PDB file of N, CA and C in Angstrom:
ATOM      1  N   MET A   1     109.458-148.745 -50.531  1.00  0.00           N
ATOM      2  CA  MET A   1     109.302-147.287 -50.022  1.00  0.00           C
ATOM      3  C   MET A   1     108.876-146.315 -51.365  1.00  0.00           C
ATOM      4  N   LYS A   2     110.617-146.888 -51.695  1.00  0.00           N
ATOM      5  CA  LYS A   2     110.938-146.158 -53.407  1.00  0.00           C
ATOM      6  C   LYS A   2     110.489-146.434 -54.102  1.00  0.00           C
ATOM      7  N   HIS A   3     110.046-148.226 -54.456  1.00  0.00           N
ATOM      8  CA  HIS A   3     108.985-148.610 -55.414  1.00  0.00           C
ATOM      9  C   HIS A   3     107.738-148.087 -55.143  1.00  0.00           C
ATOM     10  N   ASN A   4     107.219-148.033 -54.529  1.00  0.00           N
ATOM     11  CA  ASN A   4     105.680-148.148 -54.557  1.00  0.00           C
ATOM     12  C   ASN A   4     105.766-145.733 -54.922  1.00  0.00           C
ATOM     13  N   LYS A   5     106.374-145.417 -54.505  1.00  0.00           N
ATOM     14  CA  LYS A   5     106.321-144.230 -55.005  1.00  0.00           C
ATOM     15  C   LYS A   5     106.640-143.833 -56.380  1.00  0.00           C
ATOM     16  N   LEU A   6     107.430-144.908 -57.170  1.00  0.00           N
ATOM     17  CA  LEU A   6     107.675-145.299 -58.337  1.00  0.00           C
ATOM     18  C   LEU A   6     106.075-144.949 -59.060  1.00  0.00           C
ATOM     19  N   LYS A   7     105.615-146.276 -58.565  1.00  0.00           N
ATOM     20  CA  LYS A   7     104.566-147.075 -59.031  1.00  0.00           C
ATOM     21  C   LYS A   7     102.946-145.635 -59.396  1.00  0.00           C
ATOM     22  N   PHE A   8     103.285-144.672 -58.186  1.00  0.00           N
ATOM     23  CA  PHE A   8     102.112-143.632 -57.567  1.00  0.00           C
ATOM     24  C   PHE A   8     102.662-142.938 -58.936  1.00  0.00           C
ATOM     25  N   PHE A   9     103.560-142.397 -59.687  1.00  0.00           N
ATOM     26  CA  PHE A   9     104.237-141.103 -60.161  1.00  0.00           C
ATOM     27  C   PHE A   9     103.642-141.931 -61.873  1.00  0.00           C
ATOM     28  N   MET A  10     104.327-143.185 -61.893  1.00  0.00           N
ATOM     29  CA  MET A  10     103.892-144.415 -63.366  1.00  0.00           C
ATOM     30  C   MET A  10     102.508-143.788 -63.457  1.00  0.00           C
ATOM     31  N   TYR A  11     101.210-144.483 -62.030  1.00  0.00           N
ATOM     32  CA  TYR A  11      99.655-144.423 -62.430  1.00  0.00           C
ATOM     33  C   TYR A  11      99.356-143.268 -62.711  1.00  0.00           C
ATOM     34  N   ALA A  12     100.184-141.490 -61.313  1.00  0.00           N
ATOM     35  CA  ALA A  12      99.682-140.563 -62.231  1.00  0.00           C
ATOM     36  C   ALA A  12      99.569-139.815 -63.586  1.00  0.00           C
ATOM     37  N   ALA A  13     101.033-140.443 -64.704  1.00  0.00           N
ATOM     38  CA  ALA A  13     101.398-140.259 -65.776  1.00  0.00           C
ATOM     39  C   ALA A  13     100.322-140.982 -66.588  1.00  0.00           C
ATOM     40  N   LEU A  14      99.936-142.191 -66.303  1.00  0.00           N
ATOM     41  CA  LEU A  14      98.792-142.767 -67.260  1.00  0.00           C
ATOM     42  C   LEU A  14      97.369-142.363 -66.908  1.00  0.00           C
ATOM     43  N   VAL A  15      97.378-141.538 -65.894  1.00  0.00           N
ATOM     44  CA  VAL A  15      95.833-141.109 -66.051  1.00  0.00           C
ATOM     45  C   VAL A  15      96.281-140.242 -66.958  1.00  0.00           C
ATOM     46  N   ILE A  16      97.473-139.150 -67.089  1.00  0.00           N
ATOM     47  CA  ILE A  16      96.851-137.810 -67.144  1.00  0.00           C
ATOM     48  C   ILE A  16      97.306-137.989 -68.617  1.00  0.00           C
ATOM     49  N   PHE A  17      98.098-138.806 -69.337  1.00  0.00           N
ATOM     50  CA  PHE A  17      97.786-138.811 -70.579  1.00  0.00           C
ATOM     51  C   PHE A  17      97.292-139.837 -71.137  1.00  0.00           C
ATOM     52  N   LEU A  18      96.267-140.729 -70.922  1.00  0.00           N
ATOM     53  CA  LEU A  18      94.919-140.859 -70.906  1.00  0.00           C
ATOM     54  C   LEU A  18      93.451-140.779 -71.020  1.00  0.00           C
ATOM     55  N   PHE A  19      94.033-139.226 -69.549  1.00  0.00           N
ATOM     56  CA  PHE A  19      93.453-138.137 -70.220  1.00  0.00           C
ATOM     57  C   PHE A  19      93.175-137.295 -69.835  1.00  0.00           C
ATOM     58  N   PRO A  20      94.429-135.916 -70.722  1.00  0.00           N
ATOM     59  CA  PRO A  20      94.591-135.410 -70.932  1.00  0.00           C
ATOM     60  C   PRO A  20      93.136-133.903 -70.574  1.00  0.00           C
ATOM     61  N   PRO A  21      94.250-132.855 -69.655  1.00  0.00           N
ATOM     62  CA  PRO A  21      93.476-131.756 -69.114  1.00  0.00           C
ATOM     63  C   PRO A  21      92.299-131.726 -70.255  1.00  0.00           C
ATOM     64  N   ILE A  22      91.118-131.091 -70.386  1.00  0.00           N
ATOM     65  CA  ILE A  22      90.697-130.484 -71.590  1.00  0.00           C
ATOM     66  C   ILE A  22      90.912-129.164 -71.230  1.00  0.00           C
ATOM     67  N   SER A  23      90.708-128.377 -72.592  1.00  0.00           N
ATOM     68  CA  SER A  23      91.121-127.574 -73.083  1.00  0.00           C
ATOM     69  C   SER A  23      89.731-126.481 -73.022  1.00  0.00           C
ATOM     70  N   VAL A  24      89.639-125.218 -72.362  1.00  0.00           N
ATOM     71  CA  VAL A  24      88.541-124.452 -72.818  1.00  0.00           C
ATOM     72  C   VAL A  24      88.950-122.983 -73.616  1.00  0.00           C
ATOM     73  N   MET A  25      87.892-122.716 -74.210  1.00  0.00           N
ATOM     74  CA  MET A  25      88.240-121.056 -74.921  1.00  0.00           C
ATOM     75  C   MET A  25      87.434-120.338 -73.771  1.00  0.00           C
ATOM     76  N   ALA A  26      88.781-119.507 -73.568  1.00  0.00           N
ATOM     77  CA  ALA A  26      88.100-118.196 -72.738  1.00  0.00           C
ATOM     78  C   ALA A  26      87.280-117.282 -73.614  1.00  0.00           C
ATOM     79  N   GLY A  27      86.246-116.512 -73.165  1.00  0.00           N
ATOM     80  CA  GLY A  27      85.575-115.971 -74.332  1.00  0.00           C
ATOM     81  C   GLY A  27      84.382-115.834 -73.081  1.00  0.00           C
ATOM     82  N   HIS A  28      84.296-114.850 -73.802  1.00  0.00           N
ATOM     83  CA  HIS A  28      82.651-114.821 -73.302  1.00  0.00           C
ATOM     84  C   HIS A  28      81.586-115.034 -73.580  1.00  0.00           C
ATOM     85  N   ASP A  29      80.472-115.123 -72.815  1.00  0.00           N
ATOM     86  CA  ASP A  29      79.461-115.501 -72.192  1.00  0.00           C
ATOM     87  C   ASP A  29      78.446-115.694 -73.310  1.00  0.00           C
ATOM     88  N   ASP A  30      78.387-114.619 -74.513  1.00  0.00           N
ATOM     89  CA  ASP A  30      77.801-114.799 -75.553  1.00  0.00           C
ATOM     90  C   ASP A  30      77.939-114.739 -76.976  1.00  0.00           C
ATOM     91  N   GLU A  31      79.638-115.720 -76.734  1.00  0.00           N
ATOM     92  CA  GLU A  31      80.387-115.776 -77.543  1.00  0.00           C
ATOM     93  C   GLU A  31      79.689-117.788 -77.925  1.00  0.00           C
ATOM     94  N   GLU A  32      79.750-117.899 -78.934  1.00  0.00           N
ATOM     95  CA  GLU A  32      79.256-119.932 -79.789  1.00  0.00           C
ATOM     96  C   GLU A  32      80.401-120.149 -79.029  1.00  0.00           C
ATOM     97  N   ILE A  33      80.879-121.827 -78.436  1.00  0.00           N
ATOM     98  CA  ILE A  33      81.600-122.598 -78.470  1.00  0.00           C
ATOM     99  C   ILE A  33      82.372-122.877 -79.614  1.00  0.00           C
ATOM    100  N   PRO A  34      83.195-122.924 -80.424  1.00  0.00           N
ATOM    101  CA  PRO A  34      83.338-124.167 -81.584  1.00  0.00           C
ATOM    102  C   PRO A  34      82.476-125.549 -81.662  1.00  0.00           C
ATOM    103  N   ARG A  35      82.381-125.745 -82.210  1.00  0.00           N
ATOM    104  CA  ARG A  35      81.968-127.284 -82.532  1.00  0.00           C
ATOM    105  C   ARG A  35      82.506-128.609 -82.002  1.00  0.00           C
ATOM    106  N   HIS A  36      84.068-127.915 -82.830  1.00  0.00           N
ATOM    107  CA  HIS A  36      84.708-129.165 -82.140  1.00  0.00           C
ATOM    108  C   HIS A  36      85.299-129.253 -80.395  1.00  0.00           C
ATOM    109  N   LEU A  37      85.194-127.970 -80.143  1.00  0.00           N
ATOM    110  CA  LEU A  37      85.610-127.875 -79.016  1.00  0.00           C
ATOM    111  C   LEU A  37      84.314-128.262 -78.173  1.00  0.00           C
ATOM    112  N   GLN A  38      84.193-127.897 -78.388  1.00  0.00           N
ATOM    113  CA  GLN A  38      82.246-128.636 -77.192  1.00  0.00           C
ATOM    114  C   GLN A  38      82.372-129.889 -77.593  1.00  0.00           C
ATOM    115  N   LYS A  39      82.326-130.770 -78.601  1.00  0.00           N
ATOM    116  CA  LYS A  39      82.843-131.769 -79.007  1.00  0.00           C
ATOM    117  C   LYS A  39      83.338-132.469 -77.915  1.00  0.00           C
ATOM    118  N   LYS A  40      84.940-132.404 -77.983  1.00  0.00           N
ATOM    119  CA  LYS A  40      85.840-132.440 -77.073  1.00  0.00           C
ATOM    120  C   LYS A  40      86.129-132.484 -75.601  1.00  0.00           C
ATOM    121  N   TYR A  41      84.952-131.518 -75.708  1.00  0.00           N
ATOM    122  CA  TYR A  41      84.745-131.492 -73.790  1.00  0.00           C
ATOM    123  C   TYR A  41      83.329-132.991 -73.864  1.00  0.00           C
ATOM    124  N   ASP A  42      82.479-132.848 -74.158  1.00  0.00           N
ATOM    125  CA  ASP A  42      81.761-133.634 -74.511  1.00  0.00           C
ATOM    126  C   ASP A  42      82.057-135.263 -74.224  1.00  0.00           C
ATOM    127  N   ARG A  43      83.388-135.476 -75.084  1.00  0.00           N
ATOM    128  CA  ARG A  43      83.998-137.003 -74.521  1.00  0.00           C
ATOM    129  C   ARG A  43      84.844-136.701 -73.958  1.00  0.00           C
ATOM    130  N   ARG A  44      85.567-135.831 -73.274  1.00  0.00           N
ATOM    131  CA  ARG A  44      85.869-136.094 -71.974  1.00  0.00           C
ATOM    132  C   ARG A  44      84.969-135.883 -70.687  1.00  0.00           C
ATOM    133  N   LEU A  45      84.094-134.920 -70.601  1.00  0.00           N
ATOM    134  CA  LEU A  45      83.287-135.387 -69.422  1.00  0.00           C
ATOM    135  C   LEU A  45      82.539-136.999 -69.316  1.00  0.00           C
ATOM    136  N   GLU A  46      82.007-136.650 -70.358  1.00  0.00           N
ATOM    137  CA  GLU A  46      81.566-138.842 -70.645  1.00  0.00           C
ATOM    138  C   GLU A  46      83.073-139.730 -69.924  1.00  0.00           C
ATOM    139  N   GLU A  47      83.919-139.673 -70.267  1.00  0.00           N
ATOM    140  CA  GLU A  47      85.147-139.968 -69.758  1.00  0.00           C
ATOM    141  C   GLU A  47      85.583-140.579 -68.231  1.00  0.00           C
ATOM    142  N   MET A  48      85.128-138.783 -68.150  1.00  0.00           N
ATOM    143  CA  MET A  48      84.826-138.601 -66.123  1.00  0.00           C
ATOM    144  C   MET A  48      83.806-139.235 -65.659  1.00  0.00           C
ATOM    145  N   LYS A  49      82.715-139.058 -66.166  1.00  0.00           N
ATOM    146  CA  LYS A  49      81.633-139.558 -65.309  1.00  0.00           C
ATOM    147  C   LYS A  49      81.997-141.522 -65.135  1.00  0.00           C
ATOM    148  N   VAL A  50      82.377-142.090 -66.403  1.00  0.00           N
ATOM    149  CA  VAL A  50      83.117-143.229 -66.542  1.00  0.00           C
ATOM    150  C   VAL A  50      83.770-143.641 -64.881  1.00  0.00           C
ATOM    151  N   LEU A  51      84.994-143.005 -64.686  1.00  0.00           N
ATOM    152  CA  LEU A  51      85.745-142.754 -63.091  1.00  0.00           C
ATOM    153  C   LEU A  51      85.097-142.667 -62.283  1.00  0.00           C
ATOM    154  N   ASP A  52      84.434-141.458 -62.663  1.00  0.00           N
ATOM    155  CA  ASP A  52      83.077-141.200 -61.046  1.00  0.00           C
ATOM    156  C   ASP A  52      82.313-143.137 -60.699  1.00  0.00           C
ATOM    157  N   THR A  53      82.875-143.000 -60.332  1.00  0.00           N
ATOM    158  CA  THR A  53      82.335-145.178 -59.619  1.00  0.00           C
ATOM    159  C   THR A  53      81.081-144.737 -58.805  1.00  0.00           C
ATOM    160  N   ASN A  54      81.154-143.766 -57.984  1.00  0.00           N
ATOM    161  CA  ASN A  54      80.561-143.569 -57.038  1.00  0.00           C
ATOM    162  C   ASN A  54      79.214-142.240 -57.267  1.00  0.00           C
ATOM    163  N   GLY A  55      78.848-141.688 -58.527  1.00  0.00           N
ATOM    164  CA  GLY A  55      78.338-141.359 -59.367  1.00  0.00           C
ATOM    165  C   GLY A  55      77.864-140.211 -58.588  1.00  0.00           C
ATOM    166  N   ASP A  56      79.143-139.646 -57.574  1.00  0.00           N
ATOM    167  CA  ASP A  56      78.770-137.983 -56.523  1.00  0.00           C
ATOM    168  C   ASP A  56      79.196-137.021 -57.474  1.00  0.00           C
ATOM    169  N   GLY A  57      80.073-137.097 -58.928  1.00  0.00           N
ATOM    170  CA  GLY A  57      80.313-136.061 -59.512  1.00  0.00           C
ATOM    171  C   GLY A  57      81.747-134.975 -59.397  1.00  0.00           C
ATOM    172  N   VAL A  58      82.104-136.564 -58.611  1.00  0.00           N
ATOM    173  CA  VAL A  58      82.984-136.246 -57.671  1.00  0.00           C
ATOM    174  C   VAL A  58      84.133-136.939 -58.642  1.00  0.00           C
ATOM    175  N   LEU A  59      85.869-136.592 -58.619  1.00  0.00           N
ATOM    176  CA  LEU A  59      86.711-137.726 -59.058  1.00  0.00           C
ATOM    177  C   LEU A  59      87.380-137.116 -57.532  1.00  0.00           C
ATOM    178  N   GLN A  60      87.546-138.458 -57.020  1.00  0.00           N
ATOM    179  CA  GLN A  60      88.060-138.830 -56.003  1.00  0.00           C
ATOM    180  C   GLN A  60      89.327-139.999 -55.863  1.00  0.00           C
ATOM    181  N   ALA A  61      90.559-139.411 -55.169  1.00  0.00           N
ATOM    182  CA  ALA A  61      92.074-139.624 -55.761  1.00  0.00           C
ATOM    183  C   ALA A  61      91.777-141.339 -55.616  1.00  0.00           C
ATOM    184  N   GLU A  62      91.209-142.252 -54.807  1.00  0.00           N
ATOM    185  CA  GLU A  62      90.799-144.003 -55.239  1.00  0.00           C
ATOM    186  C   GLU A  62      90.204-143.806 -56.801  1.00  0.00           C
ATOM    187  N   GLU A  63      89.530-143.256 -56.729  1.00  0.00           N
ATOM    188  CA  GLU A  63      88.771-143.963 -58.341  1.00  0.00           C
ATOM    189  C   GLU A  63      89.588-143.610 -59.293  1.00  0.00           C
ATOM    190  N   LEU A  64      90.780-142.335 -59.176  1.00  0.00           N
ATOM    191  CA  LEU A  64      91.620-142.176 -60.505  1.00  0.00           C
ATOM    192  C   LEU A  64      93.272-143.410 -60.125  1.00  0.00           C
ATOM    193  N   LYS A  65      92.909-143.761 -58.199  1.00  0.00           N
ATOM    194  CA  LYS A  65      93.765-144.392 -58.795  1.00  0.00           C
ATOM    195  C   LYS A  65      93.515-146.068 -58.985  1.00  0.00           C
ATOM    196  N   LYS A  66      92.180-146.494 -59.218  1.00  0.00           N
ATOM    197  CA  LYS A  66      91.694-147.440 -59.381  1.00  0.00           C
ATOM    198  C   LYS A  66      91.951-147.866 -60.772  1.00  0.00           C
ATOM    199  N   LYS A  67      91.133-146.571 -61.795  1.00  0.00           N
ATOM    200  CA  LYS A  67      90.952-146.148 -62.976  1.00  0.00           C
ATOM    201  C   LYS A  67      93.014-146.992 -63.096  1.00  0.00           C
ATOM    202  N   SER A  68      93.709-145.852 -62.956  1.00  0.00           N
ATOM    203  CA  SER A  68      94.723-145.606 -63.134  1.00  0.00           C
ATOM    204  C   SER A  68      95.468-147.301 -63.038  1.00  0.00           C
ATOM    205  N   LYS A  69      95.328-148.430 -62.292  1.00  0.00           N
ATOM    206  CA  LYS A  69      96.076-149.253 -61.862  1.00  0.00           C
ATOM    207  C   LYS A  69      95.257-150.608 -62.759  1.00  0.00           C
ATOM    208  N   MET A  70      94.417-150.316 -63.344  1.00  0.00           N
ATOM    209  CA  MET A  70      93.686-151.187 -64.834  1.00  0.00           C
ATOM    210  C   MET A  70      94.380-150.750 -65.672  1.00  0.00           C
ATOM    211  N   SER A  71      94.237-149.315 -65.906  1.00  0.00           N
ATOM    212  CA  SER A  71      95.001-149.000 -66.962  1.00  0.00           C
ATOM    213  C   SER A  71      96.455-149.613 -67.199  1.00  0.00           C
ATOM    214  N   PHE A  72      97.151-149.612 -66.163  1.00  0.00           N
ATOM    215  CA  PHE A  72      98.442-149.718 -66.348  1.00  0.00           C
ATOM    216  C   PHE A  72      98.437-151.043 -66.541  1.00  0.00           C
ATOM    217  N   GLY A  73      97.984-152.134 -65.696  1.00  0.00           N
ATOM    218  CA  GLY A  73      98.040-153.640 -65.445  1.00  0.00           C
ATOM    219  C   GLY A  73      97.282-153.938 -67.413  1.00  0.00           C
ATOM    220  N   ALA A  74      96.895-153.502 -67.782  1.00  0.00           N
ATOM    221  CA  ALA A  74      96.618-153.217 -69.579  1.00  0.00           C
ATOM    222  C   ALA A  74      97.345-153.240 -70.585  1.00  0.00           C
ATOM    223  N   ALA A  75      97.647-152.402 -70.261  1.00  0.00           N
ATOM    224  CA  ALA A  75      99.443-151.578 -70.828  1.00  0.00           C
ATOM    225  C   ALA A  75     101.006-152.490 -70.852  1.00  0.00           C
ATOM    226  N   ASP A  76     100.997-153.091 -69.322  1.00  0.00           N
ATOM    227  CA  ASP A  76     101.604-153.911 -68.999  1.00  0.00           C
ATOM    228  C   ASP A  76     101.943-155.248 -69.372  1.00  0.00           C
ATOM    229  N   THR A  77     102.198-155.540 -70.153  1.00  0.00           N
ATOM    230  CA  THR A  77     101.725-156.643 -71.175  1.00  0.00           C
ATOM    231  C   THR A  77     102.620-158.389 -70.483  1.00  0.00           C
ATOM    232  N   ASP A  78     103.447-157.386 -70.336  1.00  0.00           N
ATOM    233  CA  ASP A  78     104.637-158.840 -70.250  1.00  0.00           C
ATOM    234  C   ASP A  78     104.953-158.472 -68.363  1.00  0.00           C
ATOM    235  N   LYS A  79     103.896-158.339 -67.437  1.00  0.00           N
ATOM    236  CA  LYS A  79     103.476-157.972 -65.810  1.00  0.00           C
ATOM    237  C   LYS A  79     104.612-157.872 -65.409  1.00  0.00           C
ATOM    238  N   ASP A  80     105.825-156.831 -65.868  1.00  0.00           N
ATOM    239  CA  ASP A  80     107.123-157.091 -64.400  1.00  0.00           C
ATOM    240  C   ASP A  80     106.829-155.505 -63.958  1.00  0.00           C
ATOM    241  N   GLY A  81     105.890-155.079 -63.966  1.00  0.00           N
ATOM    242  CA  GLY A  81     105.640-153.712 -63.459  1.00  0.00           C
ATOM    243  C   GLY A  81     106.083-152.704 -63.887  1.00  0.00           C
ATOM    244  N   ILE A  82     106.590-152.131 -65.061  1.00  0.00           N
ATOM    245  CA  ILE A  82     107.458-151.193 -65.738  1.00  0.00           C
ATOM    246  C   ILE A  82     106.819-151.670 -67.075  1.00  0.00           C
ATOM    247  N   LEU A  83     106.530-150.415 -67.918  1.00  0.00           N
ATOM    248  CA  LEU A  83     106.090-149.839 -68.860  1.00  0.00           C
ATOM    249  C   LEU A  83     106.737-149.401 -69.911  1.00  0.00           C
ATOM    250  N   SER A  84     107.845-150.629 -70.853  1.00  0.00           N
ATOM    251  CA  SER A  84     108.234-149.769 -71.678  1.00  0.00           C
ATOM    252  C   SER A  84     107.504-148.965 -73.044  1.00  0.00           C
ATOM    253  N   ARG A  85     108.869-148.866 -73.983  1.00  0.00           N
ATOM    254  CA  ARG A  85     108.150-148.012 -74.398  1.00  0.00           C
ATOM    255  C   ARG A  85     107.337-148.729 -75.467  1.00  0.00           C
ATOM    256  N   LYS A  86     107.594-149.715 -76.018  1.00  0.00           N
ATOM    257  CA  LYS A  86     107.047-150.820 -76.815  1.00  0.00           C
ATOM    258  C   LYS A  86     105.456-151.016 -76.279  1.00  0.00           C
ATOM    259  N   GLU A  87     105.005-150.636 -74.937  1.00  0.00           N
ATOM    260  CA  GLU A  87     103.819-150.829 -74.064  1.00  0.00           C
ATOM    261  C   GLU A  87     103.380-149.892 -74.381  1.00  0.00           C
ATOM    262  N   ILE A  88     104.029-148.728 -74.047  1.00  0.00           N
ATOM    263  CA  ILE A  88     103.880-146.935 -74.266  1.00  0.00           C
ATOM    264  C   ILE A  88     103.005-147.244 -75.236  1.00  0.00           C
ATOM    265  N   GLU A  89     103.817-147.987 -76.334  1.00  0.00           N
ATOM    266  CA  GLU A  89     102.904-146.999 -77.561  1.00  0.00           C
ATOM    267  C   GLU A  89     101.805-147.806 -78.376  1.00  0.00           C
ATOM    268  N   ALA A  90     101.959-148.986 -77.545  1.00  0.00           N
ATOM    269  CA  ALA A  90     100.613-150.228 -77.838  1.00  0.00           C
ATOM    270  C   ALA A  90      99.636-149.446 -76.948  1.00  0.00           C
ATOM    271  N   ALA A  91      99.911-149.066 -76.002  1.00  0.00           N
ATOM    272  CA  ALA A  91      98.775-148.078 -75.249  1.00  0.00           C
ATOM    273  C   ALA A  91      97.838-147.319 -76.059  1.00  0.00           C
ATOM    274  N   GLN A  92      98.619-146.703 -76.169  1.00  0.00           N
ATOM    275  CA  GLN A  92      98.191-145.532 -77.408  1.00  0.00           C
ATOM    276  C   GLN A  92      97.845-145.693 -78.370  1.00  0.00           C
ATOM    277  N   GLU A  93      97.835-146.563 -78.982  1.00  0.00           N
ATOM    278  CA  GLU A  93      97.528-146.584 -80.134  1.00  0.00           C
ATOM    279  C   GLU A  93      95.804-147.556 -79.532  1.00  0.00           C
ATOM    280  N   SER A  94      95.964-148.443 -78.744  1.00  0.00           N
ATOM    281  CA  SER A  94      95.204-149.317 -78.399  1.00  0.00           C
ATOM    282  C   SER A  94      93.775-148.339 -78.383  1.00  0.00           C
ATOM    283  N   ALA A  95      94.737-146.665 -77.580  1.00  0.00           N
ATOM    284  CA  ALA A  95      93.225-145.997 -77.162  1.00  0.00           C
ATOM    285  C   ALA A  95      93.056-145.451 -78.490  1.00  0.00           C
ATOM    286  N   ARG A  96      93.507-145.062 -79.170  1.00  0.00           N
ATOM    287  CA  ARG A  96      93.552-144.168 -80.580  1.00  0.00           C
ATOM    288  C   ARG A  96      92.148-144.638 -81.242  1.00  0.00           C
ATOM    289  N   GLU A  97      92.588-146.250 -81.450  1.00  0.00           N
ATOM    290  CA  GLU A  97      90.912-147.572 -82.012  1.00  0.00           C
ATOM    291  C   GLU A  97      89.718-146.821 -81.351  1.00  0.00           C
ATOM    292  N   LYS A  98      89.748-147.400 -79.810  1.00  0.00           N
ATOM    293  CA  LYS A  98      88.548-147.420 -79.466  1.00  0.00           C
ATOM    294  C   LYS A  98      88.314-146.409 -79.210  1.00  0.00           C
ATOM    295  N   SER A  99      88.917-145.019 -79.223  1.00  0.00           N
ATOM    296  CA  SER A  99      88.083-143.503 -79.263  1.00  0.00           C
ATOM    297  C   SER A  99      87.500-143.363 -81.133  1.00  0.00           C
ATOM    298  N   LYS A 100      88.908-144.059 -81.699  1.00  0.00           N
ATOM    299  CA  LYS A 100      87.937-143.741 -83.064  1.00  0.00           C
ATOM    300  C   LYS A 100      86.575-144.380 -83.428  1.00  0.00           C
ATOM    301  N   LYS A 101      86.200-145.987 -82.674  1.00  0.00           N
ATOM    302  CA  LYS A 101      85.027-146.973 -82.656  1.00  0.00           C
ATOM    303  C   LYS A 101      83.907-146.057 -81.982  1.00  0.00           C
ATOM    304  N   ASN A 102      84.574-145.101 -80.634  1.00  0.00           N
ATOM    305  CA  ASN A 102      83.574-145.140 -79.811  1.00  0.00           C
ATOM    306  C   ASN A 102      83.085-143.688 -81.635  1.00  0.00           C
ATOM    307  N   MET A 103      83.413-143.241 -81.467  1.00  0.00           N
ATOM    308  CA  MET A 103      83.231-141.920 -82.727  1.00  0.00           C
ATOM    309  C   MET A 103      82.342-142.479 -83.741  1.00  0.00           C
ATOM    310  N   ALA A 104      82.559-143.705 -83.997  1.00  0.00           N
ATOM    311  CA  ALA A 104      81.749-144.318 -85.214  1.00  0.00           C
ATOM    312  C   ALA A 104      80.466-144.614 -84.402  1.00  0.00           C
ATOM    313  N   LEU A 105      80.427-145.490 -83.738  1.00  0.00           N
ATOM    314  CA  LEU A 105      79.008-145.817 -82.971  1.00  0.00           C
ATOM    315  C   LEU A 105      78.724-144.200 -82.258  1.00  0.00           C
ATOM    316  N   LYS A 106      79.045-143.253 -81.995  1.00  0.00           N
ATOM    317  CA  LYS A 106      78.288-142.231 -81.508  1.00  0.00           C
ATOM    318  C   LYS A 106      77.801-141.535 -83.100  1.00  0.00           C
ATOM    319  N   THR A 107      78.482-141.490 -84.481  1.00  0.00           N
ATOM    320  CA  THR A 107      78.118-140.728 -85.061  1.00  0.00           C
ATOM    321  C   THR A 107      76.616-141.608 -85.895  1.00  0.00           C
ATOM    322  N   ARG A 108      76.695-143.390 -85.803  1.00  0.00           N
ATOM    323  CA  ARG A 108      75.508-143.641 -86.528  1.00  0.00           C
ATOM    324  C   ARG A 108      74.777-143.791 -86.486  1.00  0.00           C
ATOM    325  N   GLN A 109      74.905-143.801 -84.102  1.00  0.00           N
ATOM    326  CA  GLN A 109      73.034-142.884 -83.256  1.00  0.00           C
ATOM    327  C   GLN A 109      72.924-141.716 -83.486  1.00  0.00           C
ATOM    328  N   THR A 110      73.213-141.142 -83.708  1.00  0.00           N
ATOM    329  CA  THR A 110      73.723-139.430 -83.998  1.00  0.00           C
ATOM    330  C   THR A 110      72.801-139.695 -84.748  1.00  0.00           C
ATOM    331  N   ALA A 111      72.542-140.099 -86.619  1.00  0.00           N
ATOM    332  CA  ALA A 111      71.828-140.095 -87.901  1.00  0.00           C
ATOM    333  C   ALA A 111      71.348-140.709 -87.766  1.00  0.00           C
ATOM    334  N   MET A 112      70.835-141.369 -86.658  1.00  0.00           N
ATOM    335  CA  MET A 112      69.872-142.517 -86.542  1.00  0.00           C
ATOM    336  C   MET A 112      68.436-141.595 -86.242  1.00  0.00           C
ATOM    337  N   LEU A 113      69.026-140.485 -85.255  1.00  0.00           N
ATOM    338  CA  LEU A 113      68.132-139.688 -84.621  1.00  0.00           C
ATOM    339  C   LEU A 113      67.347-138.290 -85.517  1.00  0.00           C
TER     340      LEU A 113
END
């Protein structure tokens, strides 16, 4: 039982780490949102749409658990059920590289328009 709770918290921490909360600038409706914040919001929204596997516009716990298990499994390269510092750092680097590739692709797609 204790091991299951630890796994759950590790999954939850991984989801939070991989998909940090969206920072939204508070202000009046007539104020324009800075471009960099809008881009960040748009990226997070797209990431959340991917997690919404049933397409209902709401993220259920089961959808998040499924993604966190997949992410945890990919990061746990030695399959011991624990993420070492080395595995965490490798997962972070992999996520950064993937993000850079996605941004480069979107930039190219935007340039084509």
